[in-house]
Each structure stands twice: as C-alpha cells, then as structure tokens.
C-alpha cells in the first residue's frame, strides 16, 4: 500500500505542530505512600512536520503510547518522545498529560482525600525537557460570624499554580506538601494580623521561598490567582 503521508509536498511550508489532542488514557504514576496511583489522563501528542512531508500517521501516536502500558514517569517520558521523533521522522516531539492526583490529608483533626490538577509536559528537540505543573486550590477559613450561613464561595479564594523542572527524582506528594505548608504559613501570618484575606504578592513569594531551597528543583515558576466577583488578581514569580 502506498504511504500517502510520507509523499513529497511541493508547497514547502513547515507545520509547527501536528498530532492528537485530549485523548483519554489510563495511566499509573508513582505514589510515595501506595507506590503507584491509577488515574485517567487527557493526553496531547504532537510533532513538527517538515515541509517535505505531506502528512503524519496519526495512528502512530497512540501506538507509541500504548507500548508503555500507561506507566508514566520522567524516564518513560523521554523514551516516548524519542520514539515519536524516530517513527514520525520529526525534528521535535511533544507530550502533554493532564490528570487528577489524589492525596490523603489531615486538617483540623479530620482525614480527607485532597484532589489536585496535575500536568506533565515533555519536549525533545536536541535535548529533552520535562516540566511538572500542579494547581493547588486555596480556601480561606470561614469567619465565626458566618458559620451559620453558607457563603456562595464556601471560603474559596483561588489557586497557586506551580511549575517545576527537576535535576533528579522528586515525589509529587513532597512537592504538594511543600506548597500546602507554604500556604498554611501565609494563612497563619494573616490570621495573627487579624486579617481574613491573602495577598497574591506575599503568597507567591512565600511559596517561591520554599521551592528555592529544594536542591532537586532546577527551575520553578509560581503564579498565585485570586478569583474575585468583579475581577481577578495574580502575581507571578520565576526562578533565575
């Protein structure tokens, strides 16, 4: 059968990204407490398309992903990206996974299962690059005078979005606990000042200070978002 996608294209126009998006896919990620955690990811896989090729074999993206049976870590990311480059004859390959991550937590003497939105992004051109992004929701303590009522926000304030690149292995749980501890410290500081609010500037700096001293973290960015009724505010910090 003739390979139509690999035929020459005379228009000489490079395509920056071509691939598949929002593919629901079961994955297994490393879990410090339980060793592994099963979850469902939304996967994006794409490569660049040199002008000499007419198209891309879309089915090959999923074939490559299936070869790893959902076992996802930094090492498998690199292998998937390398296979995508090789089989699709591309100069660059990219893989993005968004998934919910669950962590047993304890607050005010009560155990509960916290849910976080996580994303892994890997790219391979000459060298591979891996970034982990976590969104941590933030809720303010509800004032005593309001406890008898149900406020529309239920104490919701916003989120802290943290992206990191590692120079060696680091547990997702440890990163989450580090962020949560920084948020707790900021809340406690505001509470001591009798203020029931948070500053996006101070919060982003507090989280960044915690990340800065972790030797396994090579690069990070922090964005604190406060979602208001009329408008939202944010502050962003990035390591040097």
C-alpha atoms as a PDB file:
ATOM      1  CA  UNK A   1       0.000   0.000   0.000  1.00  0.00           C
ATOM      2  CA  UNK A   2       1.337   3.436  -0.957  1.00  0.00           C
ATOM      3  CA  UNK A   3       2.384   5.616   2.005  1.00  0.00           C
ATOM      4  CA  UNK A   4       0.466   8.807   1.180  1.00  0.00           C
ATOM      5  CA  UNK A   5       1.545  10.719   4.301  1.00  0.00           C
ATOM      6  CA  UNK A   6       5.268  10.349   3.503  1.00  0.00           C
ATOM      7  CA  UNK A   7       4.924  11.594  -0.057  1.00  0.00           C
ATOM      8  CA  UNK A   8       6.640  14.813  -1.055  1.00  0.00           C
ATOM      9  CA  UNK A   9       4.723  18.091  -0.624  1.00  0.00           C
ATOM     10  CA  UNK A  10       5.688  20.821  -3.100  1.00  0.00           C
ATOM     11  CA  UNK A  11       4.323  23.800  -1.106  1.00  0.00           C
ATOM     12  CA  UNK A  12       7.454  23.929   1.114  1.00  0.00           C
ATOM     13  CA  UNK A  13       5.589  25.060   4.259  1.00  0.00           C
ATOM     14  CA  UNK A  14       6.659  23.672   7.631  1.00  0.00           C
ATOM     15  CA  UNK A  15       3.934  22.815  10.137  1.00  0.00           C
ATOM     16  CA  UNK A  16       4.972  23.663  13.697  1.00  0.00           C
ATOM     17  CA  UNK A  17       2.674  21.174  15.467  1.00  0.00           C
ATOM     18  CA  UNK A  18       0.577  18.266  14.254  1.00  0.00           C
ATOM     19  CA  UNK A  19      -0.819  15.410  16.322  1.00  0.00           C
ATOM     20  CA  UNK A  20      -3.687  14.237  18.537  1.00  0.00           C
ATOM     21  CA  UNK A  21      -5.324  16.057  21.462  1.00  0.00           C
ATOM     22  CA  UNK A  22      -7.465  15.288  24.511  1.00  0.00           C
ATOM     23  CA  UNK A  23      -7.070  11.524  24.272  1.00  0.00           C
ATOM     24  CA  UNK A  24      -8.491   9.927  27.469  1.00  0.00           C
ATOM     25  CA  UNK A  25      -5.906   7.443  28.668  1.00  0.00           C
ATOM     26  CA  UNK A  26      -5.439   5.404  31.882  1.00  0.00           C
ATOM     27  CA  UNK A  27      -2.022   5.962  33.429  1.00  0.00           C
ATOM     28  CA  UNK A  28      -0.098   4.836  36.507  1.00  0.00           C
ATOM     29  CA  UNK A  29       2.030   7.401  38.332  1.00  0.00           C
ATOM     30  CA  UNK A  30       4.422   6.908  41.231  1.00  0.00           C
ATOM     31  CA  UNK A  31       2.890   7.345  44.687  1.00  0.00           C
ATOM     32  CA  UNK A  32       5.129   7.698  47.747  1.00  0.00           C
ATOM     33  CA  UNK A  33       2.615   6.123  50.163  1.00  0.00           C
ATOM     34  CA  UNK A  34       0.994   3.495  47.923  1.00  0.00           C
ATOM     35  CA  UNK A  35       3.901   3.021  45.452  1.00  0.00           C
ATOM     36  CA  UNK A  36       1.585   3.639  42.481  1.00  0.00           C
ATOM     37  CA  UNK A  37      -1.623   5.557  41.798  1.00  0.00           C
ATOM     38  CA  UNK A  38      -4.026   4.798  38.950  1.00  0.00           C
ATOM     39  CA  UNK A  39      -5.720   7.752  37.306  1.00  0.00           C
ATOM     40  CA  UNK A  40      -7.133   8.918  33.968  1.00  0.00           C
ATOM     41  CA  UNK A  41      -5.173  11.427  31.906  1.00  0.00           C
ATOM     42  CA  UNK A  42      -6.025  13.631  28.957  1.00  0.00           C
ATOM     43  CA  UNK A  43      -3.121  13.209  26.533  1.00  0.00           C
ATOM     44  CA  UNK A  44      -1.796  15.504  23.803  1.00  0.00           C
ATOM     45  CA  UNK A  45       0.900  14.160  21.478  1.00  0.00           C
ATOM     46  CA  UNK A  46       2.361  16.155  18.613  1.00  0.00           C
ATOM     47  CA  UNK A  47       5.428  16.692  16.444  1.00  0.00           C
ATOM     48  CA  UNK A  48       6.603  19.213  13.905  1.00  0.00           C
ATOM     49  CA  UNK A  49       6.058  18.347  10.233  1.00  0.00           C
ATOM     50  CA  UNK A  50       8.875  19.294   7.825  1.00  0.00           C
ATOM     51  CA  UNK A  51       7.748  20.848   4.546  1.00  0.00           C
ATOM     52  CA  UNK A  52       8.957  17.833   2.563  1.00  0.00           C
ATOM     53  CA  UNK A  53       6.255  15.529   4.028  1.00  0.00           C
ATOM     54  CA  UNK A  54       2.601  15.609   3.019  1.00  0.00           C
ATOM     55  CA  UNK A  55       1.200  14.482   6.374  1.00  0.00           C
ATOM     56  CA  UNK A  56       1.609  12.475   9.587  1.00  0.00           C
ATOM     57  CA  UNK A  57       0.456   8.985  10.548  1.00  0.00           C
ATOM     58  CA  UNK A  58      -1.893   9.923  13.410  1.00  0.00           C
ATOM     59  CA  UNK A  59      -2.369   6.304  14.497  1.00  0.00           C
ATOM     60  CA  UNK A  60       1.338   6.022  15.352  1.00  0.00           C
ATOM     61  CA  UNK A  61       0.953   8.455  18.263  1.00  0.00           C
ATOM     62  CA  UNK A  62      -1.396   6.084  20.067  1.00  0.00           C
ATOM     63  CA  UNK A  63       0.624   3.026  19.059  1.00  0.00           C
ATOM     64  CA  UNK A  64       3.672   4.501  20.789  1.00  0.00           C
ATOM     65  CA  UNK A  65       1.667   5.495  23.883  1.00  0.00           C
ATOM     66  CA  UNK A  66       0.173   2.007  24.153  1.00  0.00           C
ATOM     67  CA  UNK A  67       3.629   0.409  24.157  1.00  0.00           C
ATOM     68  CA  UNK A  68       4.257   1.852  27.626  1.00  0.00           C
ATOM     69  CA  UNK A  69       1.009   0.480  29.121  1.00  0.00           C
ATOM     70  CA  UNK A  70       0.295   3.714  30.974  1.00  0.00           C
ATOM     71  CA  UNK A  71       3.450   3.545  33.135  1.00  0.00           C
ATOM     72  CA  UNK A  72       4.338   7.223  33.247  1.00  0.00           C
ATOM     73  CA  UNK A  73       7.444   8.768  34.816  1.00  0.00           C
ATOM     74  CA  UNK A  74      10.313  11.012  33.758  1.00  0.00           C
ATOM     75  CA  UNK A  75      12.211   8.102  32.190  1.00  0.00           C
ATOM     76  CA  UNK A  76       9.248   6.839  30.151  1.00  0.00           C
ATOM     77  CA  UNK A  77       8.520  10.412  29.017  1.00  0.00           C
ATOM     78  CA  UNK A  78      11.985  10.590  27.452  1.00  0.00           C
ATOM     79  CA  UNK A  79      11.540   7.216  25.747  1.00  0.00           C
ATOM     80  CA  UNK A  80       8.110   8.135  24.351  1.00  0.00           C
ATOM     81  CA  UNK A  81       9.427  11.433  22.976  1.00  0.00           C
ATOM     82  CA  UNK A  82      12.413   9.683  21.353  1.00  0.00           C
ATOM     83  CA  UNK A  83      10.175   7.084  19.679  1.00  0.00           C
ATOM     84  CA  UNK A  84       7.841   9.788  18.396  1.00  0.00           C
ATOM     85  CA  UNK A  85      10.768  11.640  16.808  1.00  0.00           C
ATOM     86  CA  UNK A  86      12.157   8.478  15.244  1.00  0.00           C
ATOM     87  CA  UNK A  87       8.994   6.869  13.878  1.00  0.00           C
ATOM     88  CA  UNK A  88       7.449  10.111  12.637  1.00  0.00           C
ATOM     89  CA  UNK A  89      10.760  11.396  11.260  1.00  0.00           C
ATOM     90  CA  UNK A  90      10.324  14.673  13.147  1.00  0.00           C
ATOM     91  CA  UNK A  91      12.799  17.263  14.383  1.00  0.00           C
ATOM     92  CA  UNK A  92      10.853  17.840  17.617  1.00  0.00           C
ATOM     93  CA  UNK A  93       8.288  15.880  19.631  1.00  0.00           C
ATOM     94  CA  UNK A  94       5.976  16.858  22.485  1.00  0.00           C
ATOM     95  CA  UNK A  95       3.851  15.008  25.042  1.00  0.00           C
ATOM     96  CA  UNK A  96       1.381  16.578  27.476  1.00  0.00           C
ATOM     97  CA  UNK A  97      -0.638  14.752  30.141  1.00  0.00           C
ATOM     98  CA  UNK A  98      -3.254  16.337  32.397  1.00  0.00           C
ATOM     99  CA  UNK A  99      -4.652  14.202  35.213  1.00  0.00           C
ATOM    100  CA  UNK A 100      -6.217  14.361  38.690  1.00  0.00           C
ATOM    101  CA  UNK A 101      -3.921  13.379  41.549  1.00  0.00           C
ATOM    102  CA  UNK A 102      -5.234  12.372  44.969  1.00  0.00           C
ATOM    103  CA  UNK A 103      -3.505  12.731  48.317  1.00  0.00           C
ATOM    104  CA  UNK A 104      -4.656  11.736  51.803  1.00  0.00           C
ATOM    105  CA  UNK A 105      -4.502  14.791  54.042  1.00  0.00           C
ATOM    106  CA  UNK A 106      -5.403  15.748  57.586  1.00  0.00           C
ATOM    107  CA  UNK A 107      -6.756  19.131  58.644  1.00  0.00           C
ATOM    108  CA  UNK A 108      -8.320  20.160  61.953  1.00  0.00           C
ATOM    109  CA  UNK A 109      -8.095  16.550  63.126  1.00  0.00           C
ATOM    110  CA  UNK A 110     -10.096  15.273  60.147  1.00  0.00           C
ATOM    111  CA  UNK A 111      -8.807  12.964  57.403  1.00  0.00           C
ATOM    112  CA  UNK A 112      -9.876  13.661  53.839  1.00  0.00           C
ATOM    113  CA  UNK A 113      -8.828  12.966  50.245  1.00  0.00           C
ATOM    114  CA  UNK A 114      -7.483  16.082  48.532  1.00  0.00           C
ATOM    115  CA  UNK A 115      -7.715  16.388  44.750  1.00  0.00           C
ATOM    116  CA  UNK A 116      -5.196  18.285  42.633  1.00  0.00           C
ATOM    117  CA  UNK A 117      -4.976  19.063  38.935  1.00  0.00           C
ATOM    118  CA  UNK A 118      -1.563  17.957  37.646  1.00  0.00           C
ATOM    119  CA  UNK A 119       0.087  18.198  34.252  1.00  0.00           C
ATOM    120  CA  UNK A 120       3.294  16.761  32.820  1.00  0.00           C
ATOM    121  CA  UNK A 121       4.842  18.273  29.716  1.00  0.00           C
ATOM    122  CA  UNK A 122       7.834  16.886  27.851  1.00  0.00           C
ATOM    123  CA  UNK A 123       9.608  18.094  24.719  1.00  0.00           C
ATOM    124  CA  UNK A 124      12.504  16.700  22.743  1.00  0.00           C
ATOM    125  CA  UNK A 125      14.466  18.686  20.185  1.00  0.00           C
ATOM    126  CA  UNK A 126      18.208  18.233  20.681  1.00  0.00           C
ATOM    127  CA  UNK A 127      17.763  17.555  24.418  1.00  0.00           C
ATOM    128  CA  UNK A 128      14.669  16.514  26.338  1.00  0.00           C
ATOM    129  CA  UNK A 129      12.865  18.802  28.786  1.00  0.00           C
ATOM    130  CA  UNK A 130      10.342  17.756  31.442  1.00  0.00           C
ATOM    131  CA  UNK A 131       8.030  20.056  33.430  1.00  0.00           C
ATOM    132  CA  UNK A 132       5.548  19.167  36.166  1.00  0.00           C
ATOM    133  CA  UNK A 133       2.711  21.631  36.867  1.00  0.00           C
ATOM    134  CA  UNK A 134       0.355  21.488  39.853  1.00  0.00           C
ATOM    135  CA  UNK A 135      -2.703  23.625  40.650  1.00  0.00           C
ATOM    136  CA  UNK A 136      -3.352  23.885  44.391  1.00  0.00           C
ATOM    137  CA  UNK A 137      -6.788  25.256  45.387  1.00  0.00           C
ATOM    138  CA  UNK A 138      -6.861  27.697  48.312  1.00  0.00           C
ATOM    139  CA  UNK A 139      -9.747  28.267  50.720  1.00  0.00           C
ATOM    140  CA  UNK A 140      -9.835  30.859  53.471  1.00  0.00           C
ATOM    141  CA  UNK A 141     -11.088  29.957  56.948  1.00  0.00           C
ATOM    142  CA  UNK A 142     -14.738  30.968  57.263  1.00  0.00           C
ATOM    143  CA  UNK A 143     -15.213  33.619  59.932  1.00  0.00           C
ATOM    144  CA  UNK A 144     -17.150  32.633  63.073  1.00  0.00           C
ATOM    145  CA  UNK A 145     -19.853  35.183  62.344  1.00  0.00           C
ATOM    146  CA  UNK A 146     -20.565  33.490  59.021  1.00  0.00           C
ATOM    147  CA  UNK A 147     -20.524  29.847  60.077  1.00  0.00           C
ATOM    148  CA  UNK A 148     -24.320  29.644  60.374  1.00  0.00           C
ATOM    149  CA  UNK A 149     -24.666  30.668  56.741  1.00  0.00           C
ATOM    150  CA  UNK A 150     -23.435  29.067  53.553  1.00  0.00           C
ATOM    151  CA  UNK A 151     -21.410  31.660  51.630  1.00  0.00           C
ATOM    152  CA  UNK A 152     -21.550  31.280  47.879  1.00  0.00           C
ATOM    153  CA  UNK A 153     -17.806  30.768  47.639  1.00  0.00           C
ATOM    154  CA  UNK A 154     -17.619  28.312  50.568  1.00  0.00           C
ATOM    155  CA  UNK A 155     -14.406  30.104  51.548  1.00  0.00           C
ATOM    156  CA  UNK A 156     -12.777  29.629  48.127  1.00  0.00           C
ATOM    157  CA  UNK A 157     -10.038  32.176  47.444  1.00  0.00           C
ATOM    158  CA  UNK A 158      -8.188  30.989  44.338  1.00  0.00           C
ATOM    159  CA  UNK A 159      -5.253  28.815  43.354  1.00  0.00           C
ATOM    160  CA  UNK A 160      -1.490  28.597  43.355  1.00  0.00           C
ATOM    161  CA  UNK A 161      -0.078  27.220  40.112  1.00  0.00           C
ATOM    162  CA  UNK A 162       3.440  25.811  40.421  1.00  0.00           C
ATOM    163  CA  UNK A 163       5.605  24.540  37.559  1.00  0.00           C
ATOM    164  CA  UNK A 164       8.935  22.845  38.250  1.00  0.00           C
ATOM    165  CA  UNK A 165      11.807  21.192  36.421  1.00  0.00           C
ATOM    166  CA  UNK A 166      13.905  18.694  38.363  1.00  0.00           C
ATOM    167  CA  UNK A 167      17.562  17.697  38.210  1.00  0.00           C
ATOM    168  CA  UNK A 168      16.754  14.403  39.962  1.00  0.00           C
ATOM    169  CA  UNK A 169      13.726  12.417  41.112  1.00  0.00           C
ATOM    170  CA  UNK A 170      11.295  14.139  43.496  1.00  0.00           C
ATOM    171  CA  UNK A 171       7.947  12.830  44.783  1.00  0.00           C
ATOM    172  CA  UNK A 172       4.756  14.606  43.698  1.00  0.00           C
ATOM    173  CA  UNK A 173       3.483  14.235  47.288  1.00  0.00           C
ATOM    174  CA  UNK A 174       6.538  16.032  48.695  1.00  0.00           C
ATOM    175  CA  UNK A 175       6.032  18.912  46.265  1.00  0.00           C
ATOM    176  CA  UNK A 176       2.347  19.167  47.175  1.00  0.00           C
ATOM    177  CA  UNK A 177       3.067  19.129  50.908  1.00  0.00           C
ATOM    178  CA  UNK A 178       5.735  21.795  50.458  1.00  0.00           C
ATOM    179  CA  UNK A 179       3.245  24.059  48.653  1.00  0.00           C
ATOM    180  CA  UNK A 180       0.463  23.372  51.159  1.00  0.00           C
ATOM    181  CA  UNK A 181       2.830  24.166  54.052  1.00  0.00           C
ATOM    182  CA  UNK A 182       3.767  27.494  52.475  1.00  0.00           C
ATOM    183  CA  UNK A 183       0.079  28.368  52.006  1.00  0.00           C
ATOM    184  CA  UNK A 184      -0.639  27.386  55.626  1.00  0.00           C
ATOM    185  CA  UNK A 185       2.219  29.577  56.854  1.00  0.00           C
ATOM    186  CA  UNK A 186       0.844  32.517  54.885  1.00  0.00           C
ATOM    187  CA  UNK A 187      -2.681  31.967  56.250  1.00  0.00           C
ATOM    188  CA  UNK A 188      -1.340  31.779  59.804  1.00  0.00           C
ATOM    189  CA  UNK A 189       0.605  35.001  59.330  1.00  0.00           C
ATOM    190  CA  UNK A 190      -2.507  36.808  58.110  1.00  0.00           C
ATOM    191  CA  UNK A 191      -4.555  35.318  60.964  1.00  0.00           C
ATOM    192  CA  UNK A 192      -2.113  36.697  63.529  1.00  0.00           C
ATOM    193  CA  UNK A 193      -2.694  40.112  61.969  1.00  0.00           C
ATOM    194  CA  UNK A 194      -6.486  39.614  62.272  1.00  0.00           C
ATOM    195  CA  UNK A 195      -6.859  39.681  58.501  1.00  0.00           C
ATOM    196  CA  UNK A 196      -9.058  37.134  56.727  1.00  0.00           C
ATOM    197  CA  UNK A 197      -7.580  37.562  53.272  1.00  0.00           C
ATOM    198  CA  UNK A 198      -4.427  36.823  51.328  1.00  0.00           C
ATOM    199  CA  UNK A 199      -2.094  38.912  49.208  1.00  0.00           C
ATOM    200  CA  UNK A 200      -1.160  37.365  45.855  1.00  0.00           C
ATOM    201  CA  UNK A 201       2.239  39.080  46.070  1.00  0.00           C
ATOM    202  CA  UNK A 202       3.083  37.751  49.527  1.00  0.00           C
ATOM    203  CA  UNK A 203       1.697  34.285  48.829  1.00  0.00           C
ATOM    204  CA  UNK A 204       3.684  33.835  45.599  1.00  0.00           C
ATOM    205  CA  UNK A 205       6.870  34.907  47.388  1.00  0.00           C
ATOM    206  CA  UNK A 206       6.254  32.550  50.316  1.00  0.00           C
ATOM    207  CA  UNK A 207       5.746  29.552  48.001  1.00  0.00           C
ATOM    208  CA  UNK A 208       8.795  30.549  45.921  1.00  0.00           C
ATOM    209  CA  UNK A 209      10.927  30.772  49.078  1.00  0.00           C
ATOM    210  CA  UNK A 210      10.008  27.176  49.926  1.00  0.00           C
ATOM    211  CA  UNK A 211      10.860  25.912  46.446  1.00  0.00           C
ATOM    212  CA  UNK A 212      14.123  27.854  46.266  1.00  0.00           C
ATOM    213  CA  UNK A 213      15.831  25.761  48.956  1.00  0.00           C
ATOM    214  CA  UNK A 214      14.995  22.343  47.446  1.00  0.00           C
ATOM    215  CA  UNK A 215      18.188  21.029  45.754  1.00  0.00           C
ATOM    216  CA  UNK A 216      16.252  18.658  43.457  1.00  0.00           C
ATOM    217  CA  UNK A 217      14.437  21.589  41.818  1.00  0.00           C
ATOM    218  CA  UNK A 218      16.388  23.132  38.942  1.00  0.00           C
ATOM    219  CA  UNK A 219      13.796  25.710  37.848  1.00  0.00           C
ATOM    220  CA  UNK A 220      10.354  26.802  39.032  1.00  0.00           C
ATOM    221  CA  UNK A 221       7.571  29.302  38.440  1.00  0.00           C
ATOM    222  CA  UNK A 222       4.769  30.255  40.829  1.00  0.00           C
ATOM    223  CA  UNK A 223       1.530  32.059  39.967  1.00  0.00           C
ATOM    224  CA  UNK A 224      -0.978  32.967  42.672  1.00  0.00           C
ATOM    225  CA  UNK A 225      -4.523  33.647  41.406  1.00  0.00           C
ATOM    226  CA  UNK A 226      -7.264  35.305  43.464  1.00  0.00           C
ATOM    227  CA  UNK A 227     -10.688  34.942  41.841  1.00  0.00           C
ATOM    228  CA  UNK A 228     -12.914  37.908  42.736  1.00  0.00           C
ATOM    229  CA  UNK A 229     -16.525  38.650  41.867  1.00  0.00           C
ATOM    230  CA  UNK A 230     -15.734  41.609  39.610  1.00  0.00           C
ATOM    231  CA  UNK A 231     -12.152  40.859  38.591  1.00  0.00           C
ATOM    232  CA  UNK A 232      -9.231  38.582  39.382  1.00  0.00           C
ATOM    233  CA  UNK A 233      -5.725  39.395  40.575  1.00  0.00           C
ATOM    234  CA  UNK A 234      -2.482  37.458  40.197  1.00  0.00           C
ATOM    235  CA  UNK A 235       1.229  37.568  40.924  1.00  0.00           C
ATOM    236  CA  UNK A 236       3.914  35.502  39.179  1.00  0.00           C
ATOM    237  CA  UNK A 237       7.425  34.574  40.299  1.00  0.00           C
ATOM    238  CA  UNK A 238      10.070  32.666  38.314  1.00  0.00           C
ATOM    239  CA  UNK A 239      13.437  31.369  39.421  1.00  0.00           C
ATOM    240  CA  UNK A 240      16.578  32.812  37.844  1.00  0.00           C
END
